Amino acid sequence: MAHHLDITYCTGCNWLLRAGWYAQECLSTFGSDLRVTLIPDDSGGVFRIALEGVQIWDRKTDGGFPEIRVLKQTIRDRIAPDRPLGHLDRSGG
């Protein structure tokens, strides 16, 4: 069963490329275990990431954008805690 990741991004802030990059990185790491949906939003400054409907990152509350390492580790810890992430699991990776 594939898990679902939603990335909601502000269209006015031109964050489509950023959202797409996060999606690409997550799909490269998790493959068919993950489905990603990009959700455009024009309400201003929005950048949120939710896994299975549960918010795991919000730009406004969490202070900016997640490092890709942190995002991948957060996703892994929730969907496949035993899955190794290679160099990302090493300190400073």
PDB file of N, CA and C in Angstrom:
ATOM      1  N   MET A   1       0.836  -1.191   0.000  1.00  0.00           N
ATOM      2  CA  MET A   1       0.000   0.000   0.000  1.00  0.00           C
ATOM      3  C   MET A   1       0.879   1.252   0.000  1.00  0.00           C
ATOM      4  N   ALA A   2       0.633   2.138  -0.920  1.00  0.00           N
ATOM      5  CA  ALA A   2       1.392   3.378  -0.995  1.00  0.00           C
ATOM      6  C   ALA A   2       0.839   4.395  -0.002  1.00  0.00           C
ATOM      7  N   HIS A   3       1.744   5.102   0.612  1.00  0.00           N
ATOM      8  CA  HIS A   3       1.375   6.172   1.538  1.00  0.00           C
ATOM      9  C   HIS A   3       1.215   7.460   0.739  1.00  0.00           C
ATOM     10  N   HIS A   4       0.438   8.394   1.298  1.00  0.00           N
ATOM     11  CA  HIS A   4       0.122   9.605   0.551  1.00  0.00           C
ATOM     12  C   HIS A   4       0.748  10.842   1.196  1.00  0.00           C
ATOM     13  N   LEU A   5       1.487  11.593   0.392  1.00  0.00           N
ATOM     14  CA  LEU A   5       2.119  12.837   0.821  1.00  0.00           C
ATOM     15  C   LEU A   5       1.491  13.982   0.029  1.00  0.00           C
ATOM     16  N   ASP A   6       0.991  14.986   0.735  1.00  0.00           N
ATOM     17  CA  ASP A   6       0.457  16.192   0.096  1.00  0.00           C
ATOM     18  C   ASP A   6       1.400  17.352   0.353  1.00  0.00           C
ATOM     19  N   ILE A   7       1.738  18.075  -0.694  1.00  0.00           N
ATOM     20  CA  ILE A   7       2.557  19.275  -0.566  1.00  0.00           C
ATOM     21  C   ILE A   7       1.715  20.445  -1.072  1.00  0.00           C
ATOM     22  N   THR A   8       1.324  21.319  -0.153  1.00  0.00           N
ATOM     23  CA  THR A   8       0.528  22.494  -0.500  1.00  0.00           C
ATOM     24  C   THR A   8       1.473  23.684  -0.572  1.00  0.00           C
ATOM     25  N   TYR A   9       1.432  24.406  -1.685  1.00  0.00           N
ATOM     26  CA  TYR A   9       2.384  25.495  -1.900  1.00  0.00           C
ATOM     27  C   TYR A   9       1.673  26.750  -2.394  1.00  0.00           C
ATOM     28  N   CYS A  10       2.254  27.900  -2.103  1.00  0.00           N
ATOM     29  CA  CYS A  10       1.714  29.191  -2.511  1.00  0.00           C
ATOM     30  C   CYS A  10       2.066  29.471  -3.973  1.00  0.00           C
ATOM     31  N   THR A  11       1.043  29.703  -4.781  1.00  0.00           N
ATOM     32  CA  THR A  11       1.280  30.026  -6.189  1.00  0.00           C
ATOM     33  C   THR A  11       1.813  31.447  -6.344  1.00  0.00           C
ATOM     34  N   GLY A  12       1.343  32.355  -5.502  1.00  0.00           N
ATOM     35  CA  GLY A  12       1.797  33.743  -5.579  1.00  0.00           C
ATOM     36  C   GLY A  12       3.264  33.912  -5.219  1.00  0.00           C
ATOM     37  N   CYS A  13       3.783  33.000  -4.400  1.00  0.00           N
ATOM     38  CA  CYS A  13       5.189  33.044  -3.987  1.00  0.00           C
ATOM     39  C   CYS A  13       6.085  32.277  -4.948  1.00  0.00           C
ATOM     40  N   ASN A  14       5.485  31.693  -5.988  1.00  0.00           N
ATOM     41  CA  ASN A  14       6.226  30.917  -6.986  1.00  0.00           C
ATOM     42  C   ASN A  14       6.978  29.731  -6.377  1.00  0.00           C
ATOM     43  N   TRP A  15       6.322  29.011  -5.480  1.00  0.00           N
ATOM     44  CA  TRP A  15       6.959  27.878  -4.813  1.00  0.00           C
ATOM     45  C   TRP A  15       6.672  26.537  -5.486  1.00  0.00           C
ATOM     46  N   LEU A  16       6.159  26.557  -6.712  1.00  0.00           N
ATOM     47  CA  LEU A  16       5.913  25.316  -7.442  1.00  0.00           C
ATOM     48  C   LEU A  16       7.208  24.529  -7.637  1.00  0.00           C
ATOM     49  N   LEU A  17       8.285  25.181  -8.044  1.00  0.00           N
ATOM     50  CA  LEU A  17       9.543  24.470  -8.280  1.00  0.00           C
ATOM     51  C   LEU A  17      10.064  23.835  -7.000  1.00  0.00           C
ATOM     52  N   ARG A  18       9.941  24.542  -5.889  1.00  0.00           N
ATOM     53  CA  ARG A  18      10.371  24.006  -4.598  1.00  0.00           C
ATOM     54  C   ARG A  18       9.524  22.783  -4.241  1.00  0.00           C
ATOM     55  N   ALA A  19       8.205  22.903  -4.398  1.00  0.00           N
ATOM     56  CA  ALA A  19       7.307  21.788  -4.096  1.00  0.00           C
ATOM     57  C   ALA A  19       7.626  20.593  -4.991  1.00  0.00           C
ATOM     58  N   GLY A  20       7.875  20.859  -6.255  1.00  0.00           N
ATOM     59  CA  GLY A  20       8.216  19.798  -7.199  1.00  0.00           C
ATOM     60  C   GLY A  20       9.524  19.119  -6.845  1.00  0.00           C
ATOM     61  N   TRP A  21      10.493  19.900  -6.392  1.00  0.00           N
ATOM     62  CA  TRP A  21      11.783  19.332  -6.000  1.00  0.00           C
ATOM     63  C   TRP A  21      11.628  18.419  -4.789  1.00  0.00           C
ATOM     64  N   TYR A  22      10.859  18.859  -3.783  1.00  0.00           N
ATOM     65  CA  TYR A  22      10.599  18.002  -2.624  1.00  0.00           C
ATOM     66  C   TYR A  22       9.906  16.706  -3.071  1.00  0.00           C
ATOM     67  N   ALA A  23       8.927  16.823  -3.947  1.00  0.00           N
ATOM     68  CA  ALA A  23       8.217  15.651  -4.446  1.00  0.00           C
ATOM     69  C   ALA A  23       9.180  14.696  -5.148  1.00  0.00           C
ATOM     70  N   GLN A  24      10.021  15.238  -6.016  1.00  0.00           N
ATOM     71  CA  GLN A  24      10.987  14.423  -6.755  1.00  0.00           C
ATOM     72  C   GLN A  24      11.942  13.708  -5.806  1.00  0.00           C
ATOM     73  N   GLU A  25      12.455  14.416  -4.832  1.00  0.00           N
ATOM     74  CA  GLU A  25      13.380  13.823  -3.861  1.00  0.00           C
ATOM     75  C   GLU A  25      12.717  12.695  -3.075  1.00  0.00           C
ATOM     76  N   CYS A  26      11.488  12.926  -2.639  1.00  0.00           N
ATOM     77  CA  CYS A  26      10.777  11.916  -1.849  1.00  0.00           C
ATOM     78  C   CYS A  26      10.440  10.696  -2.705  1.00  0.00           C
ATOM     79  N   LEU A  27      10.018  10.928  -3.943  1.00  0.00           N
ATOM     80  CA  LEU A  27       9.713   9.807  -4.835  1.00  0.00           C
ATOM     81  C   LEU A  27      10.977   9.026  -5.190  1.00  0.00           C
ATOM     82  N   SER A  28      12.103   9.712  -5.342  1.00  0.00           N
ATOM     83  CA  SER A  28      13.363   9.028  -5.630  1.00  0.00           C
ATOM     84  C   SER A  28      13.771   8.126  -4.477  1.00  0.00           C
ATOM     85  N   THR A  29      13.475   8.547  -3.262  1.00  0.00           N
ATOM     86  CA  THR A  29      13.855   7.776  -2.079  1.00  0.00           C
ATOM     87  C   THR A  29      12.875   6.653  -1.780  1.00  0.00           C
ATOM     88  N   PHE A  30      11.575   6.930  -1.861  1.00  0.00           N
ATOM     89  CA  PHE A  30      10.575   5.963  -1.404  1.00  0.00           C
ATOM     90  C   PHE A  30       9.890   5.201  -2.543  1.00  0.00           C
ATOM     91  N   GLY A  31      10.110   5.620  -3.772  1.00  0.00           N
ATOM     92  CA  GLY A  31       9.581   4.896  -4.918  1.00  0.00           C
ATOM     93  C   GLY A  31       8.079   4.662  -4.860  1.00  0.00           C
ATOM     94  N   SER A  32       7.683   3.435  -5.147  1.00  0.00           N
ATOM     95  CA  SER A  32       6.255   3.118  -5.220  1.00  0.00           C
ATOM     96  C   SER A  32       5.589   3.018  -3.841  1.00  0.00           C
ATOM     97  N   ASP A  33       6.353   3.198  -2.769  1.00  0.00           N
ATOM     98  CA  ASP A  33       5.769   3.215  -1.424  1.00  0.00           C
ATOM     99  C   ASP A  33       5.094   4.553  -1.120  1.00  0.00           C
ATOM    100  N   LEU A  34       5.239   5.512  -2.016  1.00  0.00           N
ATOM    101  CA  LEU A  34       4.736   6.861  -1.746  1.00  0.00           C
ATOM    102  C   LEU A  34       4.023   7.423  -2.973  1.00  0.00           C
ATOM    103  N   ARG A  35       2.914   8.088  -2.734  1.00  0.00           N
ATOM    104  CA  ARG A  35       2.206   8.853  -3.764  1.00  0.00           C
ATOM    105  C   ARG A  35       2.258  10.304  -3.317  1.00  0.00           C
ATOM    106  N   VAL A  36       2.561  11.204  -4.222  1.00  0.00           N
ATOM    107  CA  VAL A  36       2.693  12.616  -3.882  1.00  0.00           C
ATOM    108  C   VAL A  36       1.703  13.437  -4.686  1.00  0.00           C
ATOM    109  N   THR A  37       1.029  14.352  -4.004  1.00  0.00           N
ATOM    110  CA  THR A  37       0.118  15.286  -4.657  1.00  0.00           C
ATOM    111  C   THR A  37       0.598  16.700  -4.370  1.00  0.00           C
ATOM    112  N   LEU A  38       0.732  17.493  -5.429  1.00  0.00           N
ATOM    113  CA  LEU A  38       1.053  18.914  -5.279  1.00  0.00           C
ATOM    114  C   LEU A  38      -0.254  19.687  -5.301  1.00  0.00           C
ATOM    115  N   ILE A  39      -0.444  20.547  -4.311  1.00  0.00           N
ATOM    116  CA  ILE A  39      -1.702  21.281  -4.180  1.00  0.00           C
ATOM    117  C   ILE A  39      -1.420  22.783  -4.220  1.00  0.00           C
ATOM    118  N   PRO A  40      -1.796  23.458  -5.312  1.00  0.00           N
ATOM    119  CA  PRO A  40      -1.595  24.907  -5.394  1.00  0.00           C
ATOM    120  C   PRO A  40      -2.555  25.643  -4.463  1.00  0.00           C
ATOM    121  N   ASP A  41      -2.071  26.728  -3.873  1.00  0.00           N
ATOM    122  CA  ASP A  41      -2.870  27.526  -2.941  1.00  0.00           C
ATOM    123  C   ASP A  41      -2.526  28.988  -3.184  1.00  0.00           C
ATOM    124  N   ASP A  42      -3.542  29.843  -3.221  1.00  0.00           N
ATOM    125  CA  ASP A  42      -3.268  31.269  -3.468  1.00  0.00           C
ATOM    126  C   ASP A  42      -3.598  32.145  -2.270  1.00  0.00           C
ATOM    127  N   SER A  43      -3.622  31.548  -1.075  1.00  0.00           N
ATOM    128  CA  SER A  43      -3.991  32.333   0.109  1.00  0.00           C
ATOM    129  C   SER A  43      -2.815  33.098   0.713  1.00  0.00           C
ATOM    130  N   GLY A  44      -1.616  32.905   0.205  1.00  0.00           N
ATOM    131  CA  GLY A  44      -0.478  33.710   0.630  1.00  0.00           C
ATOM    132  C   GLY A  44       0.479  33.048   1.602  1.00  0.00           C
ATOM    133  N   GLY A  45       1.673  32.723   1.119  1.00  0.00           N
ATOM    134  CA  GLY A  45       2.740  32.236   1.975  1.00  0.00           C
ATOM    135  C   GLY A  45       2.611  30.810   2.476  1.00  0.00           C
ATOM    136  N   VAL A  46       1.707  30.051   1.912  1.00  0.00           N
ATOM    137  CA  VAL A  46       1.469  28.694   2.394  1.00  0.00           C
ATOM    138  C   VAL A  46       2.499  27.718   1.839  1.00  0.00           C
ATOM    139  N   PHE A  47       3.071  26.912   2.710  1.00  0.00           N
ATOM    140  CA  PHE A  47       3.879  25.768   2.302  1.00  0.00           C
ATOM    141  C   PHE A  47       3.756  24.738   3.407  1.00  0.00           C
ATOM    142  N   ARG A  48       2.906  23.731   3.155  1.00  0.00           N
ATOM    143  CA  ARG A  48       2.624  22.696   4.152  1.00  0.00           C
ATOM    144  C   ARG A  48       2.840  21.326   3.538  1.00  0.00           C
ATOM    145  N   ILE A  49       3.295  20.403   4.379  1.00  0.00           N
ATOM    146  CA  ILE A  49       3.468  19.028   3.942  1.00  0.00           C
ATOM    147  C   ILE A  49       2.699  18.142   4.914  1.00  0.00           C
ATOM    148  N   ALA A  50       1.872  17.265   4.360  1.00  0.00           N
ATOM    149  CA  ALA A  50       1.087  16.345   5.187  1.00  0.00           C
ATOM    150  C   ALA A  50       1.302  14.924   4.686  1.00  0.00           C
ATOM    151  N   LEU A  51       1.432  14.004   5.629  1.00  0.00           N
ATOM    152  CA  LEU A  51       1.576  12.589   5.323  1.00  0.00           C
ATOM    153  C   LEU A  51       0.362  11.867   5.877  1.00  0.00           C
ATOM    154  N   GLU A  52      -0.370  11.203   4.991  1.00  0.00           N
ATOM    155  CA  GLU A  52      -1.602  10.513   5.392  1.00  0.00           C
ATOM    156  C   GLU A  52      -2.578  11.459   6.094  1.00  0.00           C
ATOM    157  N   GLY A  53      -2.617  12.704   5.634  1.00  0.00           N
ATOM    158  CA  GLY A  53      -3.541  13.683   6.186  1.00  0.00           C
ATOM    159  C   GLY A  53      -3.075  14.353   7.466  1.00  0.00           C
ATOM    160  N   VAL A  54      -1.914  13.964   7.986  1.00  0.00           N
ATOM    161  CA  VAL A  54      -1.369  14.550   9.213  1.00  0.00           C
ATOM    162  C   VAL A  54      -0.234  15.498   8.837  1.00  0.00           C
ATOM    163  N   GLN A  55      -0.367  16.740   9.246  1.00  0.00           N
ATOM    164  CA  GLN A  55       0.648  17.737   8.915  1.00  0.00           C
ATOM    165  C   GLN A  55       1.979  17.394   9.568  1.00  0.00           C
ATOM    166  N   ILE A  56       3.046  17.354   8.742  1.00  0.00           N
ATOM    167  CA  ILE A  56       4.374  17.082   9.281  1.00  0.00           C
ATOM    168  C   ILE A  56       5.304  18.278   9.123  1.00  0.00           C
ATOM    169  N   TRP A  57       4.870  19.285   8.350  1.00  0.00           N
ATOM    170  CA  TRP A  57       5.676  20.510   8.221  1.00  0.00           C
ATOM    171  C   TRP A  57       4.780  21.660   7.808  1.00  0.00           C
ATOM    172  N   ASP A  58       4.998  22.817   8.410  1.00  0.00           N
ATOM    173  CA  ASP A  58       4.313  24.041   8.020  1.00  0.00           C
ATOM    174  C   ASP A  58       5.335  25.174   8.050  1.00  0.00           C
ATOM    175  N   ARG A  59       5.498  25.845   6.949  1.00  0.00           N
ATOM    176  CA  ARG A  59       6.508  26.885   6.830  1.00  0.00           C
ATOM    177  C   ARG A  59       6.359  27.957   7.908  1.00  0.00           C
ATOM    178  N   LYS A  60       5.133  28.336   8.187  1.00  0.00           N
ATOM    179  CA  LYS A  60       4.901  29.419   9.153  1.00  0.00           C
ATOM    180  C   LYS A  60       5.180  28.984  10.586  1.00  0.00           C
ATOM    181  N   THR A  61       4.731  27.796  10.956  1.00  0.00           N
ATOM    182  CA  THR A  61       4.932  27.348  12.347  1.00  0.00           C
ATOM    183  C   THR A  61       6.299  26.741  12.581  1.00  0.00           C
ATOM    184  N   ASP A  62       6.847  26.067  11.573  1.00  0.00           N
ATOM    185  CA  ASP A  62       8.125  25.381  11.748  1.00  0.00           C
ATOM    186  C   ASP A  62       9.319  26.226  11.323  1.00  0.00           C
ATOM    187  N   GLY A  63       9.063  27.405  10.816  1.00  0.00           N
ATOM    188  CA  GLY A  63      10.152  28.321  10.487  1.00  0.00           C
ATOM    189  C   GLY A  63      10.867  28.010   9.196  1.00  0.00           C
ATOM    190  N   GLY A  64      10.251  28.315   8.089  1.00  0.00           N
ATOM    191  CA  GLY A  64      10.894  28.128   6.792  1.00  0.00           C
ATOM    192  C   GLY A  64      10.589  26.774   6.182  1.00  0.00           C
ATOM    193  N   PHE A  65      11.549  26.274   5.445  1.00  0.00           N
ATOM    194  CA  PHE A  65      11.378  25.031   4.710  1.00  0.00           C
ATOM    195  C   PHE A  65      12.245  23.943   5.339  1.00  0.00           C
ATOM    196  N   PRO A  66      11.767  22.688   5.278  1.00  0.00           N
ATOM    197  CA  PRO A  66      12.563  21.615   5.888  1.00  0.00           C
ATOM    198  C   PRO A  66      13.791  21.281   5.047  1.00  0.00           C
ATOM    199  N   GLU A  67      14.867  20.897   5.726  1.00  0.00           N
ATOM    200  CA  GLU A  67      15.999  20.327   5.007  1.00  0.00           C
ATOM    201  C   GLU A  67      15.508  18.996   4.446  1.00  0.00           C
ATOM    202  N   ILE A  68      15.963  18.633   3.264  1.00  0.00           N
ATOM    203  CA  ILE A  68      15.474  17.409   2.633  1.00  0.00           C
ATOM    204  C   ILE A  68      15.795  16.195   3.496  1.00  0.00           C
ATOM    205  N   ARG A  69      16.936  16.201   4.153  1.00  0.00           N
ATOM    206  CA  ARG A  69      17.314  15.098   5.037  1.00  0.00           C
ATOM    207  C   ARG A  69      16.295  14.925   6.152  1.00  0.00           C
ATOM    208  N   VAL A  70      15.895  16.033   6.759  1.00  0.00           N
ATOM    209  CA  VAL A  70      14.920  16.006   7.855  1.00  0.00           C
ATOM    210  C   VAL A  70      13.562  15.511   7.349  1.00  0.00           C
ATOM    211  N   LEU A  71      13.145  15.997   6.187  1.00  0.00           N
ATOM    212  CA  LEU A  71      11.859  15.574   5.626  1.00  0.00           C
ATOM    213  C   LEU A  71      11.848  14.075   5.346  1.00  0.00           C
ATOM    214  N   LYS A  72      12.895  13.581   4.695  1.00  0.00           N
ATOM    215  CA  LYS A  72      12.954  12.156   4.368  1.00  0.00           C
ATOM    216  C   LYS A  72      12.996  11.300   5.632  1.00  0.00           C
ATOM    217  N   GLN A  73      13.738  11.732   6.627  1.00  0.00           N
ATOM    218  CA  GLN A  73      13.795  10.968   7.870  1.00  0.00           C
ATOM    219  C   GLN A  73      12.443  10.964   8.582  1.00  0.00           C
ATOM    220  N   THR A  74      11.748  12.092   8.547  1.00  0.00           N
ATOM    221  CA  THR A  74      10.414  12.169   9.157  1.00  0.00           C
ATOM    222  C   THR A  74       9.451  11.215   8.467  1.00  0.00           C
ATOM    223  N   ILE A  75       9.469  11.212   7.139  1.00  0.00           N
ATOM    224  CA  ILE A  75       8.596  10.312   6.383  1.00  0.00           C
ATOM    225  C   ILE A  75       8.958   8.864   6.685  1.00  0.00           C
ATOM    226  N   ARG A  76      10.236   8.538   6.610  1.00  0.00           N
ATOM    227  CA  ARG A  76      10.683   7.170   6.879  1.00  0.00           C
ATOM    228  C   ARG A  76      10.265   6.715   8.274  1.00  0.00           C
ATOM    229  N   ASP A  77      10.458   7.580   9.281  1.00  0.00           N
ATOM    230  CA  ASP A  77      10.132   7.214  10.659  1.00  0.00           C
ATOM    231  C   ASP A  77       8.648   6.889  10.828  1.00  0.00           C
ATOM    232  N   ARG A  78       7.802   7.458   9.969  1.00  0.00           N
ATOM    233  CA  ARG A  78       6.361   7.222  10.075  1.00  0.00           C
ATOM    234  C   ARG A  78       5.865   6.062   9.224  1.00  0.00           C
ATOM    235  N   ILE A  79       6.509   5.818   8.080  1.00  0.00           N
ATOM    236  CA  ILE A  79       5.972   4.771   7.197  1.00  0.00           C
ATOM    237  C   ILE A  79       6.796   3.486   7.184  1.00  0.00           C
ATOM    238  N   ALA A  80       8.087   3.573   7.501  1.00  0.00           N
ATOM    239  CA  ALA A  80       8.962   2.389   7.452  1.00  0.00           C
ATOM    240  C   ALA A  80      10.168   2.604   8.358  1.00  0.00           C
ATOM    241  N   PRO A  81       9.962   2.583   9.674  1.00  0.00           N
ATOM    242  CA  PRO A  81      11.033   2.920  10.618  1.00  0.00           C
ATOM    243  C   PRO A  81      12.310   2.096  10.468  1.00  0.00           C
ATOM    244  N   ASP A  82      12.212   0.900   9.931  1.00  0.00           N
ATOM    245  CA  ASP A  82      13.398   0.048   9.792  1.00  0.00           C
ATOM    246  C   ASP A  82      14.137   0.266   8.475  1.00  0.00           C
ATOM    247  N   ARG A  83      13.591   1.093   7.615  1.00  0.00           N
ATOM    248  CA  ARG A  83      14.191   1.318   6.296  1.00  0.00           C
ATOM    249  C   ARG A  83      15.437   2.195   6.418  1.00  0.00           C
ATOM    250  N   PRO A  84      16.568   1.736   5.901  1.00  0.00           N
ATOM    251  CA  PRO A  84      17.775   2.568   5.932  1.00  0.00           C
ATOM    252  C   PRO A  84      17.713   3.652   4.853  1.00  0.00           C
ATOM    253  N   LEU A  85      18.269   4.803   5.176  1.00  0.00           N
ATOM    254  CA  LEU A  85      18.336   5.900   4.212  1.00  0.00           C
ATOM    255  C   LEU A  85      19.787   6.166   3.785  1.00  0.00           C
ATOM    256  N   GLY A  86      20.646   5.217   3.999  1.00  0.00           N
ATOM    257  CA  GLY A  86      22.026   5.352   3.561  1.00  0.00           C
ATOM    258  C   GLY A  86      22.734   6.524   4.198  1.00  0.00           C
ATOM    259  N   HIS A  87      23.358   7.358   3.375  1.00  0.00           N
ATOM    260  CA  HIS A  87      24.143   8.475   3.879  1.00  0.00           C
ATOM    261  C   HIS A  87      23.309   9.480   4.673  1.00  0.00           C
ATOM    262  N   LEU A  88      22.001   9.513   4.460  1.00  0.00           N
ATOM    263  CA  LEU A  88      21.154  10.452   5.194  1.00  0.00           C
ATOM    264  C   LEU A  88      21.036  10.088   6.665  1.00  0.00           C
ATOM    265  N   ASP A  89      21.296   8.835   7.011  1.00  0.00           N
ATOM    266  CA  ASP A  89      21.224   8.396   8.400  1.00  0.00           C
ATOM    267  C   ASP A  89      22.503   8.714   9.181  1.00  0.00           C
ATOM    268  N   ARG A  90      23.552   9.024   8.457  1.00  0.00           N
ATOM    269  CA  ARG A  90      24.798   9.347   9.141  1.00  0.00           C
ATOM    270  C   ARG A  90      24.787  10.769   9.627  1.00  0.00           C
ATOM    271  N   SER A  91      25.491  11.033  10.672  1.00  0.00           N
ATOM    272  CA  SER A  91      25.578  12.372  11.252  1.00  0.00           C
ATOM    273  C   SER A  91      26.027  13.376  10.204  1.00  0.00           C
ATOM    274  N   GLY A  92      25.248  14.464  10.100  1.00  0.00           N
ATOM    275  CA  GLY A  92      25.601  15.512   9.143  1.00  0.00           C
ATOM    276  C   GLY A  92      25.273  15.172   7.703  1.00  0.00           C
ATOM    277  N   GLY A  93      24.646  13.986   7.433  1.00  0.00           N
ATOM    278  CA  GLY A  93      24.399  13.512   6.081  1.00  0.00           C
ATOM    279  C   GLY A  93      23.494  14.329   5.318  1.00  0.00           C
TER     280      GLY A  93
END
